[in-house]
Each structure stands twice: as C-alpha cells, then as structure tokens.
Amino acid sequence: MLWVVAYDIPVTKRRNKIAKLLEGYGKRVQYSVFECDLEESQFSELRNRLLKLLKLPDDSLRYYPIAANMTRKIVILGGDGLYEKPDHFAV
C-alpha cells in the first residue's frame, strides 16, 4: 500500500534522522513529506523505528494510506511523478 508520511519536527538533528530513515523506505516528495510503498510488515517496522526517534508531543508525524485504486486520482503539479517501489530497499 502507498503511504504518505508527513512530519513536523522542530529540532533539526532529530528531523534529519527521521528524514534519513524515511529515505530507506520511500521517496521524499516535499521537504517533510515522503511517499512509501510498503508491505504491512514494512509499515509496522517503519512505525516502530520512527516511534523510537520521535519526541512526543513536541514532534508531529502523520501516516495517510492511499488505496491502490486511488493512486490514479492523485494530482501532481511540478516535481517528480508518483513514487514507484524499487526492486530492493537499503535500510
């Protein structure tokens, strides 16, 4: 399933760690927004790893699931196209 992961992290060091982790699971599409095409186990792993990095309630992070039948309705203006899962991940 495609997930849109968006975050607001006020501390640069922590924000950079979260961005680096997300780069291993998907593609940055905006400064604080990633698209990640993940199996359920990968999504669970990502959630657990991000939870260890977050400082709540100072940090904010959201996951938005995008059903496969809805991806063709996504409108993209500028930037790259929709994220396509690579053959393998570097985590």
PDB file of N, CA and C in Angstrom:
ATOM      1  N   MET A   1       0.842  -1.178   0.000  1.00  0.00           N
ATOM      2  CA  MET A   1       0.000   0.000   0.000  1.00  0.00           C
ATOM      3  C   MET A   1       0.882   1.234   0.000  1.00  0.00           C
ATOM      4  N   LEU A   2       0.423   2.241  -0.696  1.00  0.00           N
ATOM      5  CA  LEU A   2       1.147   3.515  -0.699  1.00  0.00           C
ATOM      6  C   LEU A   2       0.765   4.304   0.548  1.00  0.00           C
ATOM      7  N   TRP A   3       1.778   4.792   1.251  1.00  0.00           N
ATOM      8  CA  TRP A   3       1.576   5.629   2.424  1.00  0.00           C
ATOM      9  C   TRP A   3       2.217   6.986   2.180  1.00  0.00           C
ATOM     10  N   VAL A   4       1.514   8.027   2.556  1.00  0.00           N
ATOM     11  CA  VAL A   4       2.103   9.358   2.583  1.00  0.00           C
ATOM     12  C   VAL A   4       2.446   9.630   4.043  1.00  0.00           C
ATOM     13  N   VAL A   5       3.711   9.934   4.286  1.00  0.00           N
ATOM     14  CA  VAL A   5       4.184  10.201   5.643  1.00  0.00           C
ATOM     15  C   VAL A   5       4.598  11.669   5.704  1.00  0.00           C
ATOM     16  N   ALA A   6       3.971  12.415   6.587  1.00  0.00           N
ATOM     17  CA  ALA A   6       4.249  13.844   6.733  1.00  0.00           C
ATOM     18  C   ALA A   6       4.639  14.120   8.175  1.00  0.00           C
ATOM     19  N   TYR A   7       5.600  14.996   8.361  1.00  0.00           N
ATOM     20  CA  TYR A   7       6.045  15.278   9.726  1.00  0.00           C
ATOM     21  C   TYR A   7       6.369  16.745   9.922  1.00  0.00           C
ATOM     22  N   ASP A   8       6.311  17.128  11.186  1.00  0.00           N
ATOM     23  CA  ASP A   8       6.726  18.463  11.618  1.00  0.00           C
ATOM     24  C   ASP A   8       7.585  18.252  12.854  1.00  0.00           C
ATOM     25  N   ILE A   9       8.895  18.389  12.688  1.00  0.00           N
ATOM     26  CA  ILE A   9       9.857  18.122  13.754  1.00  0.00           C
ATOM     27  C   ILE A   9      10.646  19.417  13.992  1.00  0.00           C
ATOM     28  N   PRO A  10      10.532  20.021  15.179  1.00  0.00           N
ATOM     29  CA  PRO A  10      11.171  21.318  15.400  1.00  0.00           C
ATOM     30  C   PRO A  10      12.687  21.270  15.573  1.00  0.00           C
ATOM     31  N   VAL A  11      13.262  20.126  15.911  1.00  0.00           N
ATOM     32  CA  VAL A  11      14.705  20.018  16.168  1.00  0.00           C
ATOM     33  C   VAL A  11      15.391  19.433  14.930  1.00  0.00           C
ATOM     34  N   THR A  12      16.332  20.194  14.382  1.00  0.00           N
ATOM     35  CA  THR A  12      16.982  19.817  13.119  1.00  0.00           C
ATOM     36  C   THR A  12      17.646  18.445  13.190  1.00  0.00           C
ATOM     37  N   LYS A  13      18.380  18.156  14.245  1.00  0.00           N
ATOM     38  CA  LYS A  13      19.087  16.864  14.338  1.00  0.00           C
ATOM     39  C   LYS A  13      18.094  15.701  14.289  1.00  0.00           C
ATOM     40  N   ARG A  14      17.011  15.804  15.030  1.00  0.00           N
ATOM     41  CA  ARG A  14      16.007  14.740  15.042  1.00  0.00           C
ATOM     42  C   ARG A  14      15.278  14.673  13.698  1.00  0.00           C
ATOM     43  N   ARG A  15      14.987  15.846  13.130  1.00  0.00           N
ATOM     44  CA  ARG A  15      14.315  15.896  11.823  1.00  0.00           C
ATOM     45  C   ARG A  15      15.174  15.221  10.759  1.00  0.00           C
ATOM     46  N   ASN A  16      16.486  15.455  10.792  1.00  0.00           N
ATOM     47  CA  ASN A  16      17.393  14.836   9.817  1.00  0.00           C
ATOM     48  C   ASN A  16      17.444  13.319   9.984  1.00  0.00           C
ATOM     49  N   LYS A  17      17.421  12.848  11.233  1.00  0.00           N
ATOM     50  CA  LYS A  17      17.419  11.396  11.467  1.00  0.00           C
ATOM     51  C   LYS A  17      16.147  10.766  10.907  1.00  0.00           C
ATOM     52  N   ILE A  18      15.032  11.422  11.114  1.00  0.00           N
ATOM     53  CA  ILE A  18      13.763  10.891  10.617  1.00  0.00           C
ATOM     54  C   ILE A  18      13.745  10.904   9.093  1.00  0.00           C
ATOM     55  N   ALA A  19      14.232  11.967   8.487  1.00  0.00           N
ATOM     56  CA  ALA A  19      14.272  12.035   7.022  1.00  0.00           C
ATOM     57  C   ALA A  19      15.182  10.935   6.463  1.00  0.00           C
ATOM     58  N   LYS A  20      16.337  10.733   7.104  1.00  0.00           N
ATOM     59  CA  LYS A  20      17.263   9.697   6.632  1.00  0.00           C
ATOM     60  C   LYS A  20      16.627   8.314   6.743  1.00  0.00           C
ATOM     61  N   LEU A  21      15.923   8.066   7.828  1.00  0.00           N
ATOM     62  CA  LEU A  21      15.245   6.781   7.984  1.00  0.00           C
ATOM     63  C   LEU A  21      14.192   6.607   6.888  1.00  0.00           C
ATOM     64  N   LEU A  22      13.395   7.629   6.646  1.00  0.00           N
ATOM     65  CA  LEU A  22      12.342   7.542   5.639  1.00  0.00           C
ATOM     66  C   LEU A  22      12.906   7.352   4.235  1.00  0.00           C
ATOM     67  N   GLU A  23      14.090   7.896   3.970  1.00  0.00           N
ATOM     68  CA  GLU A  23      14.714   7.713   2.652  1.00  0.00           C
ATOM     69  C   GLU A  23      14.965   6.239   2.357  1.00  0.00           C
ATOM     70  N   GLY A  24      15.090   5.425   3.403  1.00  0.00           N
ATOM     71  CA  GLY A  24      15.283   3.991   3.226  1.00  0.00           C
ATOM     72  C   GLY A  24      13.996   3.243   2.916  1.00  0.00           C
ATOM     73  N   TYR A  25      12.876   3.932   3.069  1.00  0.00           N
ATOM     74  CA  TYR A  25      11.588   3.277   2.858  1.00  0.00           C
ATOM     75  C   TYR A  25      10.786   3.852   1.698  1.00  0.00           C
ATOM     76  N   GLY A  26      11.169   5.045   1.257  1.00  0.00           N
ATOM     77  CA  GLY A  26      10.372   5.670   0.207  1.00  0.00           C
ATOM     78  C   GLY A  26      11.103   6.842  -0.409  1.00  0.00           C
ATOM     79  N   LYS A  27      10.321   7.742  -0.939  1.00  0.00           N
ATOM     80  CA  LYS A  27      10.876   8.882  -1.692  1.00  0.00           C
ATOM     81  C   LYS A  27      10.356  10.194  -1.110  1.00  0.00           C
ATOM     82  N   ARG A  28      11.281  11.145  -0.904  1.00  0.00           N
ATOM     83  CA  ARG A  28      10.875  12.468  -0.438  1.00  0.00           C
ATOM     84  C   ARG A  28      10.199  13.194  -1.600  1.00  0.00           C
ATOM     85  N   VAL A  29       8.990  13.681  -1.383  1.00  0.00           N
ATOM     86  CA  VAL A  29       8.270  14.397  -2.430  1.00  0.00           C
ATOM     87  C   VAL A  29       8.109  15.875  -2.100  1.00  0.00           C
ATOM     88  N   GLN A  30       8.270  16.222  -0.837  1.00  0.00           N
ATOM     89  CA  GLN A  30       8.347  17.605  -0.400  1.00  0.00           C
ATOM     90  C   GLN A  30       9.267  17.624   0.813  1.00  0.00           C
ATOM     91  N   TYR A  31       9.605  18.808   1.356  1.00  0.00           N
ATOM     92  CA  TYR A  31      10.577  18.869   2.441  1.00  0.00           C
ATOM     93  C   TYR A  31      10.258  17.913   3.585  1.00  0.00           C
ATOM     94  N   SER A  32       9.041  17.827   3.999  1.00  0.00           N
ATOM     95  CA  SER A  32       8.670  16.985   5.137  1.00  0.00           C
ATOM     96  C   SER A  32       7.605  15.963   4.779  1.00  0.00           C
ATOM     97  N   VAL A  33       7.596  15.548   3.526  1.00  0.00           N
ATOM     98  CA  VAL A  33       6.598  14.586   3.059  1.00  0.00           C
ATOM     99  C   VAL A  33       7.270  13.498   2.222  1.00  0.00           C
ATOM    100  N   PHE A  34       6.982  12.246   2.576  1.00  0.00           N
ATOM    101  CA  PHE A  34       7.515  11.100   1.845  1.00  0.00           C
ATOM    102  C   PHE A  34       6.369  10.251   1.331  1.00  0.00           C
ATOM    103  N   GLU A  35       6.584   9.585   0.199  1.00  0.00           N
ATOM    104  CA  GLU A  35       5.687   8.549  -0.292  1.00  0.00           C
ATOM    105  C   GLU A  35       6.417   7.225  -0.132  1.00  0.00           C
ATOM    106  N   CYS A  36       5.751   6.271   0.506  1.00  0.00           N
ATOM    107  CA  CYS A  36       6.368   4.969   0.779  1.00  0.00           C
ATOM    108  C   CYS A  36       5.397   3.872   0.367  1.00  0.00           C
ATOM    109  N   ASP A  37       5.825   3.009  -0.543  1.00  0.00           N
ATOM    110  CA  ASP A  37       5.009   1.866  -0.969  1.00  0.00           C
ATOM    111  C   ASP A  37       5.479   0.667  -0.160  1.00  0.00           C
ATOM    112  N   LEU A  38       4.694   0.266   0.846  1.00  0.00           N
ATOM    113  CA  LEU A  38       5.166  -0.698   1.832  1.00  0.00           C
ATOM    114  C   LEU A  38       4.204  -1.849   2.022  1.00  0.00           C
ATOM    115  N   GLU A  39       4.789  -3.016   2.251  1.00  0.00           N
ATOM    116  CA  GLU A  39       4.009  -4.164   2.722  1.00  0.00           C
ATOM    117  C   GLU A  39       3.658  -3.884   4.187  1.00  0.00           C
ATOM    118  N   GLU A  40       2.676  -4.601   4.703  1.00  0.00           N
ATOM    119  CA  GLU A  40       2.238  -4.356   6.082  1.00  0.00           C
ATOM    120  C   GLU A  40       3.387  -4.512   7.083  1.00  0.00           C
ATOM    121  N   SER A  41       4.215  -5.530   6.890  1.00  0.00           N
ATOM    122  CA  SER A  41       5.333  -5.739   7.822  1.00  0.00           C
ATOM    123  C   SER A  41       6.348  -4.597   7.746  1.00  0.00           C
ATOM    124  N   GLN A  42       6.576  -4.077   6.540  1.00  0.00           N
ATOM    125  CA  GLN A  42       7.493  -2.948   6.391  1.00  0.00           C
ATOM    126  C   GLN A  42       6.920  -1.703   7.056  1.00  0.00           C
ATOM    127  N   PHE A  43       5.616  -1.515   6.896  1.00  0.00           N
ATOM    128  CA  PHE A  43       4.985  -0.350   7.517  1.00  0.00           C
ATOM    129  C   PHE A  43       5.077  -0.454   9.036  1.00  0.00           C
ATOM    130  N   SER A  44       4.850  -1.624   9.581  1.00  0.00           N
ATOM    131  CA  SER A  44       4.946  -1.828  11.024  1.00  0.00           C
ATOM    132  C   SER A  44       6.367  -1.559  11.517  1.00  0.00           C
ATOM    133  N   GLU A  45       7.342  -2.054  10.774  1.00  0.00           N
ATOM    134  CA  GLU A  45       8.746  -1.816  11.129  1.00  0.00           C
ATOM    135  C   GLU A  45       9.066  -0.320  11.105  1.00  0.00           C
ATOM    136  N   LEU A  46       8.623   0.359  10.055  1.00  0.00           N
ATOM    137  CA  LEU A  46       8.869   1.801   9.938  1.00  0.00           C
ATOM    138  C   LEU A  46       8.231   2.550  11.103  1.00  0.00           C
ATOM    139  N   ARG A  47       6.988   2.222  11.412  1.00  0.00           N
ATOM    140  CA  ARG A  47       6.295   2.878  12.535  1.00  0.00           C
ATOM    141  C   ARG A  47       7.067   2.709  13.832  1.00  0.00           C
ATOM    142  N   ASN A  48       7.536   1.499  14.096  1.00  0.00           N
ATOM    143  CA  ASN A  48       8.278   1.240  15.334  1.00  0.00           C
ATOM    144  C   ASN A  48       9.596   2.011  15.362  1.00  0.00           C
ATOM    145  N   ARG A  49      10.278   2.044  14.233  1.00  0.00           N
ATOM    146  CA  ARG A  49      11.563   2.760  14.194  1.00  0.00           C
ATOM    147  C   ARG A  49      11.361   4.267  14.342  1.00  0.00           C
ATOM    148  N   LEU A  50      10.315   4.796  13.715  1.00  0.00           N
ATOM    149  CA  LEU A  50      10.044   6.235  13.844  1.00  0.00           C
ATOM    150  C   LEU A  50       9.622   6.582  15.267  1.00  0.00           C
ATOM    151  N   LEU A  51       8.837   5.722  15.881  1.00  0.00           N
ATOM    152  CA  LEU A  51       8.377   5.982  17.241  1.00  0.00           C
ATOM    153  C   LEU A  51       9.549   6.124  18.205  1.00  0.00           C
ATOM    154  N   LYS A  52      10.622   5.378  17.953  1.00  0.00           N
ATOM    155  CA  LYS A  52      11.810   5.468  18.809  1.00  0.00           C
ATOM    156  C   LYS A  52      12.551   6.792  18.633  1.00  0.00           C
ATOM    157  N   LEU A  53      12.388   7.422  17.470  1.00  0.00           N
ATOM    158  CA  LEU A  53      13.079   8.688  17.202  1.00  0.00           C
ATOM    159  C   LEU A  53      12.264   9.914  17.602  1.00  0.00           C
ATOM    160  N   LEU A  54      10.958   9.772  17.624  1.00  0.00           N
ATOM    161  CA  LEU A  54      10.096  10.925  17.895  1.00  0.00           C
ATOM    162  C   LEU A  54      10.137  11.333  19.352  1.00  0.00           C
ATOM    163  N   LYS A  55       9.999  12.630  19.574  1.00  0.00           N
ATOM    164  CA  LYS A  55       9.832  13.160  20.923  1.00  0.00           C
ATOM    165  C   LYS A  55       8.426  13.770  20.964  1.00  0.00           C
ATOM    166  N   LEU A  56       7.531  12.983  21.524  1.00  0.00           N
ATOM    167  CA  LEU A  56       6.135  13.430  21.617  1.00  0.00           C
ATOM    168  C   LEU A  56       5.919  14.144  22.938  1.00  0.00           C
ATOM    169  N   PRO A  57       5.139  15.182  23.032  1.00  0.00           N
ATOM    170  CA  PRO A  57       4.271  15.721  21.990  1.00  0.00           C
ATOM    171  C   PRO A  57       4.900  16.843  21.163  1.00  0.00           C
ATOM    172  N   ASP A  58       6.220  17.081  21.323  1.00  0.00           N
ATOM    173  CA  ASP A  58       6.855  18.166  20.561  1.00  0.00           C
ATOM    174  C   ASP A  58       6.814  17.905  19.056  1.00  0.00           C
ATOM    175  N   ASP A  59       7.020  16.653  18.668  1.00  0.00           N
ATOM    176  CA  ASP A  59       7.044  16.284  17.250  1.00  0.00           C
ATOM    177  C   ASP A  59       5.652  15.852  16.792  1.00  0.00           C
ATOM    178  N   SER A  60       5.439  15.963  15.501  1.00  0.00           N
ATOM    179  CA  SER A  60       4.170  15.537  14.913  1.00  0.00           C
ATOM    180  C   SER A  60       4.477  14.746  13.651  1.00  0.00           C
ATOM    181  N   LEU A  61       3.804  13.618  13.502  1.00  0.00           N
ATOM    182  CA  LEU A  61       4.007  12.780  12.321  1.00  0.00           C
ATOM    183  C   LEU A  61       2.673  12.148  11.964  1.00  0.00           C
ATOM    184  N   ARG A  62       2.372  12.100  10.679  1.00  0.00           N
ATOM    185  CA  ARG A  62       1.093  11.529  10.220  1.00  0.00           C
ATOM    186  C   ARG A  62       1.342  10.549   9.096  1.00  0.00           C
ATOM    187  N   TYR A  63       0.528   9.482   9.096  1.00  0.00           N
ATOM    188  CA  TYR A  63       0.541   8.484   8.028  1.00  0.00           C
ATOM    189  C   TYR A  63      -0.808   8.543   7.321  1.00  0.00           C
ATOM    190  N   TYR A  64      -0.785   8.643   6.018  1.00  0.00           N
ATOM    191  CA  TYR A  64      -2.021   8.650   5.228  1.00  0.00           C
ATOM    192  C   TYR A  64      -1.978   7.473   4.259  1.00  0.00           C
ATOM    193  N   PRO A  65      -2.846   6.488   4.433  1.00  0.00           N
ATOM    194  CA  PRO A  65      -2.871   5.367   3.483  1.00  0.00           C
ATOM    195  C   PRO A  65      -3.568   5.782   2.192  1.00  0.00           C
ATOM    196  N   ILE A  66      -3.007   5.342   1.065  1.00  0.00           N
ATOM    197  CA  ILE A  66      -3.606   5.611  -0.237  1.00  0.00           C
ATOM    198  C   ILE A  66      -3.915   4.263  -0.884  1.00  0.00           C
ATOM    199  N   ALA A  67      -5.165   3.939  -1.011  1.00  0.00           N
ATOM    200  CA  ALA A  67      -5.568   2.672  -1.619  1.00  0.00           C
ATOM    201  C   ALA A  67      -5.101   2.622  -3.078  1.00  0.00           C
ATOM    202  N   ALA A  68      -4.749   1.415  -3.534  1.00  0.00           N
ATOM    203  CA  ALA A  68      -4.219   1.245  -4.889  1.00  0.00           C
ATOM    204  C   ALA A  68      -5.161   1.811  -5.952  1.00  0.00           C
ATOM    205  N   ASN A  69      -6.469   1.657  -5.751  1.00  0.00           N
ATOM    206  CA  ASN A  69      -7.406   2.153  -6.758  1.00  0.00           C
ATOM    207  C   ASN A  69      -7.537   3.677  -6.741  1.00  0.00           C
ATOM    208  N   MET A  70      -6.913   4.340  -5.767  1.00  0.00           N
ATOM    209  CA  MET A  70      -6.995   5.802  -5.686  1.00  0.00           C
ATOM    210  C   MET A  70      -5.738   6.499  -6.221  1.00  0.00           C
ATOM    211  N   THR A  71      -4.655   5.749  -6.439  1.00  0.00           N
ATOM    212  CA  THR A  71      -3.408   6.396  -6.859  1.00  0.00           C
ATOM    213  C   THR A  71      -3.542   7.086  -8.212  1.00  0.00           C
ATOM    214  N   ARG A  72      -4.395   6.554  -9.077  1.00  0.00           N
ATOM    215  CA  ARG A  72      -4.547   7.190 -10.401  1.00  0.00           C
ATOM    216  C   ARG A  72      -5.289   8.519 -10.310  1.00  0.00           C
ATOM    217  N   LYS A  73      -5.896   8.783  -9.161  1.00  0.00           N
ATOM    218  CA  LYS A  73      -6.609  10.049  -8.989  1.00  0.00           C
ATOM    219  C   LYS A  73      -5.745  11.134  -8.337  1.00  0.00           C
ATOM    220  N   ILE A  74      -4.521  10.776  -7.979  1.00  0.00           N
ATOM    221  CA  ILE A  74      -3.623  11.746  -7.361  1.00  0.00           C
ATOM    222  C   ILE A  74      -3.205  12.771  -8.419  1.00  0.00           C
ATOM    223  N   VAL A  75      -3.288  14.018  -8.075  1.00  0.00           N
ATOM    224  CA  VAL A  75      -2.893  15.099  -8.974  1.00  0.00           C
ATOM    225  C   VAL A  75      -1.547  15.631  -8.504  1.00  0.00           C
ATOM    226  N   ILE A  76      -0.579  15.650  -9.396  1.00  0.00           N
ATOM    227  CA  ILE A  76       0.766  16.127  -9.076  1.00  0.00           C
ATOM    228  C   ILE A  76       1.086  17.293 -10.000  1.00  0.00           C
ATOM    229  N   LEU A  77       1.437  18.414  -9.405  1.00  0.00           N
ATOM    230  CA  LEU A  77       1.832  19.588 -10.174  1.00  0.00           C
ATOM    231  C   LEU A  77       3.282  19.905  -9.824  1.00  0.00           C
ATOM    232  N   GLY A  78       4.175  19.805 -10.774  1.00  0.00           N
ATOM    233  CA  GLY A  78       5.592  20.043 -10.517  1.00  0.00           C
ATOM    234  C   GLY A  78       6.238  18.845  -9.842  1.00  0.00           C
ATOM    235  N   GLY A  79       7.550  18.864  -9.806  1.00  0.00           N
ATOM    236  CA  GLY A  79       8.284  17.780  -9.170  1.00  0.00           C
ATOM    237  C   GLY A  79       8.193  16.489  -9.957  1.00  0.00           C
ATOM    238  N   ASP A  80       8.627  15.417  -9.300  1.00  0.00           N
ATOM    239  CA  ASP A  80       8.621  14.102  -9.935  1.00  0.00           C
ATOM    240  C   ASP A  80       7.236  13.483  -9.871  1.00  0.00           C
ATOM    241  N   GLY A  81       7.089  12.376 -10.605  1.00  0.00           N
ATOM    242  CA  GLY A  81       5.837  11.636 -10.596  1.00  0.00           C
ATOM    243  C   GLY A  81       5.655  10.869  -9.301  1.00  0.00           C
ATOM    244  N   LEU A  82       4.600  10.098  -9.250  1.00  0.00           N
ATOM    245  CA  LEU A  82       4.274   9.293  -8.091  1.00  0.00           C
ATOM    246  C   LEU A  82       5.377   8.287  -7.807  1.00  0.00           C
ATOM    247  N   TYR A  83       5.613   8.041  -6.535  1.00  0.00           N
ATOM    248  CA  TYR A  83       6.655   7.109  -6.109  1.00  0.00           C
ATOM    249  C   TYR A  83       6.392   5.704  -6.643  1.00  0.00           C
ATOM    250  N   GLU A  84       7.420   5.086  -7.194  1.00  0.00           N
ATOM    251  CA  GLU A  84       7.348   3.690  -7.619  1.00  0.00           C
ATOM    252  C   GLU A  84       8.357   2.905  -6.815  1.00  0.00           C
ATOM    253  N   LYS A  85       7.899   1.826  -6.238  1.00  0.00           N
ATOM    254  CA  LYS A  85       8.730   0.999  -5.380  1.00  0.00           C
ATOM    255  C   LYS A  85       9.892   0.404  -6.170  1.00  0.00           C
ATOM    256  N   PRO A  86      11.137   0.545  -5.636  1.00  0.00           N
ATOM    257  CA  PRO A  86      12.280  -0.079  -6.313  1.00  0.00           C
ATOM    258  C   PRO A  86      12.269  -1.591  -6.101  1.00  0.00           C
ATOM    259  N   ASP A  87      13.152  -2.277  -6.802  1.00  0.00           N
ATOM    260  CA  ASP A  87      13.238  -3.732  -6.660  1.00  0.00           C
ATOM    261  C   ASP A  87      13.693  -4.140  -5.274  1.00  0.00           C
ATOM    262  N   HIS A  88      14.524  -3.293  -4.613  1.00  0.00           N
ATOM    263  CA  HIS A  88      15.026  -3.612  -3.285  1.00  0.00           C
ATOM    264  C   HIS A  88      15.198  -2.328  -2.489  1.00  0.00           C
ATOM    265  N   PHE A  89      15.314  -2.459  -1.165  1.00  0.00           N
ATOM    266  CA  PHE A  89      15.485  -1.325  -0.269  1.00  0.00           C
ATOM    267  C   PHE A  89      16.854  -1.390   0.396  1.00  0.00           C
ATOM    268  N   ALA A  90      17.406  -0.236   0.681  1.00  0.00           N
ATOM    269  CA  ALA A  90      18.616  -0.125   1.507  1.00  0.00           C
ATOM    270  C   ALA A  90      18.183   0.473   2.836  1.00  0.00           C
ATOM    271  N   VAL A  91      18.054  -0.365   3.850  1.00  0.00           N
ATOM    272  CA  VAL A  91      17.598   0.108   5.171  1.00  0.00           C
ATOM    273  C   VAL A  91      18.736   0.077   6.139  1.00  0.00           C
TER     274      VAL A  91
END
